[in-house]
Amino acid sequence: MSDDEIGAFTIDEHCRRYRICRETAYREIRAGRLPARKLGRKTLILRADAESWAAGLPELRSGSGVRE
């Protein structure tokens, strides 16, 4: 099953998909910026919530000090 067919991601899957560390994912969840759900011991992030979170990240502006 491809990422496009998955309705929810585990924390590890979300982190791989968006190239962030687990600490950042849990920080975003604690801050209320990334909704998450529990299924037993697993923490799941719905695909729609992950996409909304990514779309809400600040836009990179030129001259913001980012290295090329």
Protein backbone atom coordinates (compact mmCIF):
# COMPACT_ATOMS: atom_id res chain seq x y z
CA MET A 1 0.00 0.00 0.00
CA SER A 2 1.45 3.38 -0.98
CA ASP A 3 1.48 6.48 1.24
CA ASP A 4 -1.26 7.92 -0.96
CA GLU A 5 -3.60 5.08 0.06
CA ILE A 6 -2.93 5.19 3.81
CA GLY A 7 -5.60 6.91 5.93
CA ALA A 8 -3.41 7.32 9.03
CA PHE A 9 0.28 7.26 9.90
CA THR A 10 2.10 6.02 12.96
CA ILE A 11 4.54 8.50 14.49
CA ASP A 12 7.46 6.77 12.73
CA GLU A 13 5.68 6.83 9.36
CA HIS A 14 4.77 10.50 9.80
CA CYS A 15 8.36 11.36 10.72
CA ARG A 16 9.77 9.52 7.69
CA ARG A 17 7.22 11.11 5.35
CA TYR A 18 7.89 14.67 6.55
CA ARG A 19 11.57 14.12 7.45
CA ILE A 20 11.27 15.25 11.05
CA CYS A 21 12.44 13.58 14.26
CA ARG A 22 10.09 11.96 16.77
CA GLU A 23 10.80 14.72 19.30
CA THR A 24 9.57 17.36 16.83
CA ALA A 25 6.43 15.35 16.07
CA TYR A 26 5.56 14.95 19.74
CA ARG A 27 6.33 18.65 20.37
CA GLU A 28 3.86 19.58 17.60
CA ILE A 29 1.26 17.23 19.11
CA ARG A 30 1.74 18.67 22.63
CA ALA A 31 1.47 22.24 21.25
CA GLY A 32 -1.84 21.31 19.62
CA ARG A 33 -0.61 22.01 16.09
CA LEU A 34 -0.68 18.35 15.02
CA PRO A 35 -3.80 16.38 16.02
CA ALA A 36 -3.13 12.76 16.99
CA ARG A 37 -5.22 9.82 18.11
CA LYS A 38 -4.53 6.72 20.15
CA LEU A 39 -5.30 3.17 19.07
CA GLY A 40 -4.20 0.96 21.92
CA ARG A 41 -0.57 1.90 22.49
CA LYS A 42 -0.11 3.37 19.00
CA THR A 43 -0.26 7.07 18.31
CA LEU A 44 -1.82 7.74 14.92
CA ILE A 45 -1.96 10.87 12.80
CA LEU A 46 -4.73 11.02 10.23
CA ARG A 47 -3.56 11.74 6.70
CA ALA A 48 -5.81 14.82 6.45
CA ASP A 49 -4.39 16.17 9.75
CA ALA A 50 -0.81 15.58 8.56
CA GLU A 51 -1.50 17.42 5.30
CA SER A 52 -3.17 20.33 7.13
CA TRP A 53 -0.23 20.53 9.53
CA ALA A 54 2.27 20.63 6.66
CA ALA A 55 0.23 23.23 4.77
CA GLY A 56 0.16 25.41 7.89
CA LEU A 57 3.93 25.52 8.33
CA PRO A 58 5.49 28.95 7.83
CA GLU A 59 6.46 29.77 4.28
CA LEU A 60 10.17 30.16 3.59
CA ARG A 61 10.99 33.70 2.50
CA SER A 62 14.08 34.64 0.52
CA GLY A 63 16.80 36.22 2.63
CA SER A 64 15.74 34.35 5.75
CA GLY A 65 19.21 33.00 6.36
CA VAL A 66 18.72 29.53 4.88
CA ARG A 67 21.85 27.93 3.51
CA GLU A 68 21.86 26.61 -0.03
